Amino acid sequence: AGGEWRVSQARVHWDILDKFQEAAVQAGIPRTADFNRGCNFGIGPFEVNQRDGFRVSSASAFLRPAMSRPNLDVVTKSHVSSLAVDGKRVTGVNFMEGSSNETQYAEAEGEVLLSAGSIGSVQILQLSGIGPRKVLEDAGVALKYEMPGVGANLQDHLQIRPCWKVEGIPTLNEKVHNPLAKVWMGLEYAIWQTGPLAAAPSQLGAFARSSPEYKTPNLEYHVQPLSLDKFGSDLHRHSGFTASVCNLRPKSRGSVTIKNNDPRTFPSIRLNMLSHEEDKQ
C-alpha cells in the first residue's frame, strides 16, 4: 500500500511455514491473503510495516519528516509527572527532563493528547488526580475528578509458546549457529534487503475458534521458523519452529494503580490472568 505508513509482504520465505500452513488447511483453517477483510478466520503470512525492506515506524513515517515545522517541538528523555487540570479541562503537562526532579510546564493552547499506553496513561491520569477515590487517597494524591474506571478492566492475551524439533527442513536455528550462513544473511540484507534479517520473528499467522460455539475466531497463532527456551536466550542448535497461541478475548480482568505520588515509581500492575473460569478451559 502507498502512503507514509507502508504495509507490504515480508521479503523472506521458509518451507517450514508452508508446511505448517498446509497442515492448518487440512485441519479446516482456510488460507487467507488478508486478515483485515472483515472476518480474519484463516491462516496466512503476516504483513509488515516496511518500505523496500526497511522498517517503517511512526517516527520515520510521520515525525521525522515534520521535525522542521516551526509549530513542532519534540522534547526527549523527559518524564511526564502529571497533567495540569483546571476543573474538568486539562490545560497542559508537567514534566521533568532527564534525571532532574525539577518540574517544567508546557501549556496547551488547544488540547492535550495523552498517549502513553495502557499502563503509562493510567499512571499519569491517577498522578493528576483523575481516577478512583480510594486509590488516589492511598497514594497521597489530591482527588480532582473521580473516575472509578481509570486503571480498571486491564486485559491481556495470555500466550503459550510450544516449540517443536524438526528434521530434514531448514529453520533459522541452524543458520544462526553457522558462521557462513550468518555472513550470507548479512550480505543478502545489505545487497537486496531480503532474507531473515528483513523479517519479524512471527511470519505466519492464524486465527481460529477453540470450539464451534464461537462465531468468530477467539484464538491467534504466531508461527516462527525458530525455537528457543525463552526470549533472550540463544536459539536451539537443532532445527525447530514455534507456534504460540493466545486467547484473543479473555474474561479475566486486572488493574493498574499507582503506589504513591512519585511519578518515577512504577505502578502496581495486576493482570489477574486465569482468574475467570472460562479462561482456564
Protein backbone atom coordinates (compact mmCIF):
# COMPACT_ATOMS: atom_id res chain seq x y z
CA ALA A 1 0.00 0.00 0.00
CA GLY A 2 1.07 3.58 -0.56
CA GLY A 3 1.14 6.49 1.86
CA GLU A 4 3.53 7.29 4.67
CA TRP A 5 2.73 4.15 6.66
CA ARG A 6 3.69 1.31 4.35
CA VAL A 7 2.20 -2.19 4.56
CA SER A 8 3.96 -4.81 2.48
CA GLN A 9 4.71 -8.51 2.23
CA ALA A 10 7.68 -9.93 4.13
CA ARG A 11 10.75 -10.39 1.94
CA VAL A 12 11.65 -13.88 3.14
CA HIS A 13 10.37 -17.41 2.57
CA TRP A 14 10.54 -20.57 4.71
CA ASP A 15 9.46 -24.04 3.62
CA ILE A 16 8.67 -24.93 7.23
CA LEU A 17 5.98 -22.24 7.31
CA ASP A 18 4.49 -23.54 4.07
CA LYS A 19 4.24 -26.99 5.65
CA PHE A 20 2.54 -25.61 8.75
CA GLN A 21 0.08 -23.72 6.57
CA GLU A 22 -0.73 -26.88 4.60
CA ALA A 23 -1.37 -28.74 7.86
CA ALA A 24 -3.69 -25.99 9.08
CA VAL A 25 -5.68 -26.13 5.84
CA GLN A 26 -6.06 -29.88 6.27
CA ALA A 27 -7.35 -29.21 9.80
CA GLY A 28 -10.07 -26.88 8.44
CA ILE A 29 -8.44 -23.45 8.68
CA PRO A 30 -8.64 -21.81 5.24
CA ARG A 31 -5.85 -19.88 3.58
CA THR A 32 -6.15 -16.11 3.58
CA ALA A 33 -4.11 -13.35 1.98
CA ASP A 34 -5.61 -10.59 4.12
CA PHE A 35 -6.52 -10.68 7.81
CA ASN A 36 -8.22 -7.27 7.53
CA ARG A 37 -11.05 -8.16 5.18
CA GLY A 38 -13.75 -8.29 7.87
CA CYS A 39 -13.51 -11.85 9.12
CA ASN A 40 -9.97 -12.86 10.00
CA PHE A 41 -10.64 -16.61 10.18
CA GLY A 42 -7.81 -18.27 8.29
CA ILE A 43 -4.07 -18.72 8.02
CA GLY A 44 -1.58 -16.68 6.01
CA PRO A 45 1.60 -14.63 6.13
CA PHE A 46 1.75 -11.58 8.36
CA GLU A 47 2.27 -8.33 6.51
CA VAL A 48 4.96 -5.94 7.71
CA ASN A 49 5.45 -2.19 8.04
CA GLN A 50 8.38 -1.83 5.65
CA ARG A 51 9.49 0.18 2.67
CA ASP A 52 11.89 -1.76 0.41
CA GLY A 53 12.94 -4.00 3.29
CA PHE A 54 13.49 -1.19 5.80
CA ARG A 55 11.19 -0.92 8.80
CA VAL A 56 8.72 1.96 8.84
CA SER A 57 7.76 3.33 12.25
CA SER A 58 5.54 6.19 13.34
CA ALA A 59 8.73 8.18 13.95
CA SER A 60 10.20 7.61 10.48
CA ALA A 61 6.85 7.90 8.67
CA PHE A 62 5.35 10.94 10.36
CA LEU A 63 7.56 12.56 12.99
CA ARG A 64 10.95 12.95 11.33
CA PRO A 65 9.53 14.47 8.11
CA ALA A 66 7.77 17.08 10.25
CA MET A 67 10.71 17.99 12.50
CA SER A 68 11.43 21.20 10.61
CA ARG A 69 7.95 22.60 11.17
CA PRO A 70 8.01 25.82 13.23
CA ASN A 71 5.00 24.71 15.29
CA LEU A 72 6.60 21.45 16.48
CA ASP A 73 8.91 20.98 19.46
CA VAL A 74 9.97 17.46 20.47
CA VAL A 75 11.35 17.04 23.98
CA THR A 76 13.11 13.71 24.52
CA LYS A 77 14.49 11.98 27.63
CA SER A 78 11.68 13.52 29.65
CA HIS A 79 9.19 12.10 32.15
CA VAL A 80 5.63 13.37 32.47
CA SER A 81 4.78 13.85 36.14
CA SER A 82 1.14 14.92 35.78
CA LEU A 83 -1.43 16.76 33.75
CA ALA A 84 -2.39 20.30 34.69
CA VAL A 85 -6.12 20.15 35.43
CA ASP A 86 -8.49 23.09 35.68
CA GLY A 87 -11.90 21.76 36.65
CA LYS A 88 -12.73 19.16 34.00
CA ARG A 89 -10.27 20.53 31.47
CA VAL A 90 -6.61 19.63 31.00
CA THR A 91 -4.63 22.78 30.27
CA GLY A 92 -1.08 21.46 29.99
CA VAL A 93 1.56 18.96 31.05
CA ASN A 94 4.03 18.90 33.95
CA PHE A 95 7.25 17.07 33.16
CA MET A 96 10.85 16.51 34.27
CA GLU A 97 13.83 16.43 31.92
CA GLY A 98 16.46 13.74 32.30
CA SER A 99 17.22 12.71 35.88
CA SER A 100 16.23 16.09 37.25
CA ASN A 101 13.30 16.29 39.65
CA GLU A 102 12.65 19.91 38.72
CA THR A 103 9.17 20.22 37.24
CA GLN A 104 8.64 22.09 34.00
CA TYR A 105 5.32 23.07 32.48
CA ALA A 106 4.07 23.05 28.90
CA GLU A 107 0.80 24.88 28.40
CA ALA A 108 -1.65 23.83 25.72
CA GLU A 109 -3.23 26.45 23.52
CA GLY A 110 -5.70 23.92 22.16
CA GLU A 111 -5.94 20.41 23.56
CA VAL A 112 -3.74 17.79 25.24
CA LEU A 113 -3.49 14.31 23.74
CA LEU A 114 -2.47 11.67 26.28
CA SER A 115 -0.90 8.70 24.50
CA ALA A 116 1.33 6.83 26.95
CA GLY A 117 -0.02 3.31 26.51
CA SER A 118 -2.35 1.21 28.61
CA ILE A 119 -0.02 1.43 31.64
CA GLY A 120 1.56 4.86 31.34
CA SER A 121 -1.68 6.70 30.51
CA VAL A 122 -3.35 5.27 33.62
CA GLN A 123 -0.38 6.21 35.80
CA ILE A 124 -0.36 9.80 34.52
CA LEU A 125 -4.12 10.20 34.96
CA GLN A 126 -4.00 8.91 38.54
CA LEU A 127 -0.98 11.09 39.39
CA SER A 128 -3.02 14.01 38.06
CA GLY A 129 -5.88 13.32 40.48
CA ILE A 130 -8.10 11.59 37.95
CA GLY A 131 -9.20 8.10 38.95
CA PRO A 132 -10.71 6.02 41.78
CA ARG A 133 -11.01 7.95 45.03
CA LYS A 134 -9.51 5.26 47.30
CA VAL A 135 -6.53 4.61 45.01
CA LEU A 136 -5.66 8.30 44.96
CA GLU A 137 -6.17 8.76 48.68
CA ASP A 138 -3.95 5.77 49.49
CA ALA A 139 -1.25 7.18 47.20
CA GLY A 140 -1.43 10.67 48.69
CA VAL A 141 -2.78 12.33 45.55
CA ALA A 142 -5.47 15.00 45.81
CA LEU A 143 -8.67 13.97 44.05
CA LYS A 144 -9.60 16.33 41.23
CA TYR A 145 -12.03 14.24 39.23
CA GLU A 146 -13.35 10.88 40.38
CA MET A 147 -13.37 8.24 37.64
CA PRO A 148 -13.56 4.69 39.06
CA GLY A 149 -12.78 3.11 35.70
CA VAL A 150 -9.29 4.61 35.37
CA GLY A 151 -6.96 1.68 35.93
CA ALA A 152 -9.68 -0.96 35.86
CA ASN A 153 -10.56 -3.57 33.24
CA LEU A 154 -6.95 -4.40 32.32
CA GLN A 155 -6.85 -7.19 29.74
CA ASP A 156 -4.01 -9.05 28.11
CA HIS A 157 -3.62 -12.03 25.82
CA LEU A 158 -2.18 -14.91 27.81
CA GLN A 159 0.03 -16.83 25.41
CA ILE A 160 1.63 -20.25 25.48
CA ARG A 161 4.69 -20.89 23.33
CA PRO A 162 5.11 -24.56 22.34
CA CYS A 163 8.18 -25.43 20.29
CA TRP A 164 8.80 -28.44 18.06
CA LYS A 165 12.02 -30.10 17.00
CA VAL A 166 12.06 -31.00 13.29
CA GLU A 167 14.36 -32.81 10.90
CA GLY A 168 15.03 -32.55 7.18
CA ILE A 169 13.84 -28.96 6.74
CA PRO A 170 15.81 -25.75 7.38
CA THR A 171 14.92 -23.22 10.08
CA LEU A 172 16.60 -20.12 11.43
CA ASN A 173 18.18 -22.12 14.26
CA GLU A 174 20.91 -23.75 12.21
CA LYS A 175 21.58 -20.58 10.19
CA VAL A 176 22.26 -18.60 13.35
CA HIS A 177 24.77 -21.20 14.55
CA ASN A 178 26.55 -21.45 11.19
CA PRO A 179 29.19 -18.69 10.69
CA LEU A 180 28.99 -18.83 6.89
CA ALA A 181 25.18 -18.71 6.95
CA LYS A 182 25.31 -15.69 9.24
CA VAL A 183 27.63 -13.90 6.82
CA TRP A 184 25.30 -14.73 3.94
CA MET A 185 22.26 -13.42 5.85
CA GLY A 186 24.10 -10.15 6.39
CA LEU A 187 25.14 -9.87 2.76
CA GLU A 188 21.66 -10.74 1.50
CA TYR A 189 20.10 -7.98 3.55
CA ALA A 190 22.83 -5.46 2.76
CA ILE A 191 22.55 -6.02 -1.01
CA TRP A 192 18.88 -6.86 -1.58
CA GLN A 193 17.15 -6.13 1.77
CA THR A 194 15.71 -9.64 1.75
CA GLY A 195 16.08 -12.76 3.85
CA PRO A 196 15.78 -13.45 7.60
CA LEU A 197 17.14 -10.04 8.60
CA ALA A 198 14.28 -8.37 6.70
CA ALA A 199 11.58 -10.16 8.67
CA ALA A 200 9.94 -10.14 12.08
CA PRO A 201 10.11 -13.33 14.20
CA SER A 202 6.42 -14.21 13.70
CA GLN A 203 5.95 -14.52 9.94
CA LEU A 204 2.89 -16.74 9.68
CA GLY A 205 -0.39 -16.14 11.50
CA ALA A 206 -3.66 -17.93 12.01
CA PHE A 207 -6.99 -17.02 13.55
CA ALA A 208 -9.21 -19.88 14.65
CA ARG A 209 -12.01 -20.89 17.00
CA SER A 210 -11.42 -23.05 20.06
CA SER A 211 -14.91 -24.54 19.68
CA PRO A 212 -17.93 -24.23 17.35
CA GLU A 213 -19.79 -22.09 19.91
CA TYR A 214 -17.67 -19.10 18.90
CA LYS A 215 -18.98 -17.29 15.83
CA THR A 216 -15.66 -15.55 15.20
CA PRO A 217 -12.06 -16.57 15.99
CA ASN A 218 -11.02 -16.36 19.63
CA LEU A 219 -7.50 -17.76 19.16
CA GLU A 220 -4.49 -16.36 17.34
CA TYR A 221 -1.36 -18.28 16.37
CA HIS A 222 2.06 -16.73 15.78
CA VAL A 223 4.29 -19.14 13.88
CA GLN A 224 8.05 -18.61 13.81
CA PRO A 225 10.76 -20.53 11.89
CA LEU A 226 12.86 -20.77 15.07
CA SER A 227 12.81 -22.15 18.60
CA LEU A 228 14.38 -21.18 21.92
CA ASP A 229 13.85 -21.88 25.61
CA LYS A 230 12.83 -18.31 26.45
CA PHE A 231 13.05 -14.82 25.00
CA GLY A 232 16.58 -13.51 25.33
CA SER A 233 18.23 -16.94 25.24
CA ASP A 234 20.07 -18.45 22.28
CA LEU A 235 18.20 -20.32 19.58
CA HIS A 236 18.31 -24.09 19.85
CA ARG A 237 21.09 -25.86 17.99
CA HIS A 238 18.63 -28.31 16.46
CA SER A 239 16.10 -27.37 13.77
CA GLY A 240 12.84 -26.20 15.27
CA PHE A 241 9.85 -23.94 14.99
CA THR A 242 7.44 -22.22 17.37
CA ALA A 243 3.65 -21.96 17.10
CA SER A 244 2.50 -19.81 20.01
CA VAL A 245 -1.21 -19.35 20.63
CA CYS A 246 -3.11 -16.75 22.64
CA ASN A 247 -6.65 -16.15 23.85
CA LEU A 248 -7.95 -13.12 21.97
CA ARG A 249 -10.95 -12.47 24.22
CA PRO A 250 -10.01 -13.22 27.82
CA LYS A 251 -12.66 -12.82 30.50
CA SER A 252 -10.12 -12.20 33.28
CA ARG A 253 -9.66 -8.58 34.28
CA GLY A 254 -6.80 -6.86 36.06
CA SER A 255 -5.88 -3.37 37.21
CA VAL A 256 -3.21 -0.67 37.16
CA THR A 257 -2.79 1.53 40.25
CA ILE A 258 -0.14 3.96 41.44
CA LYS A 259 1.68 3.09 44.66
CA ASN A 260 2.44 6.65 45.75
CA ASN A 261 2.62 10.19 44.41
CA ASP A 262 6.16 9.80 42.98
CA PRO A 263 5.99 9.88 39.15
CA ARG A 264 9.15 7.76 38.89
CA THR A 265 7.72 4.89 40.95
CA PHE A 266 6.48 2.04 38.80
CA PRO A 267 2.74 1.44 39.20
CA SER A 268 1.26 -1.77 40.52
CA ILE A 269 0.16 -3.99 37.62
CA ARG A 270 -2.17 -6.86 38.46
CA LEU A 271 -3.03 -8.92 35.39
CA ASN A 272 -5.15 -11.49 37.26
CA MET A 273 -4.74 -13.91 34.39
CA LEU A 274 -6.83 -17.08 34.61
CA SER A 275 -8.96 -15.54 37.36
CA HIS A 276 -12.06 -16.19 35.25
CA GLU A 277 -13.17 -19.80 34.99
CA GLU A 278 -13.73 -19.65 31.23
CA ASP A 279 -10.10 -18.68 30.63
CA LYS A 280 -8.97 -21.91 32.32
CA GLN A 281 -10.86 -24.16 29.92
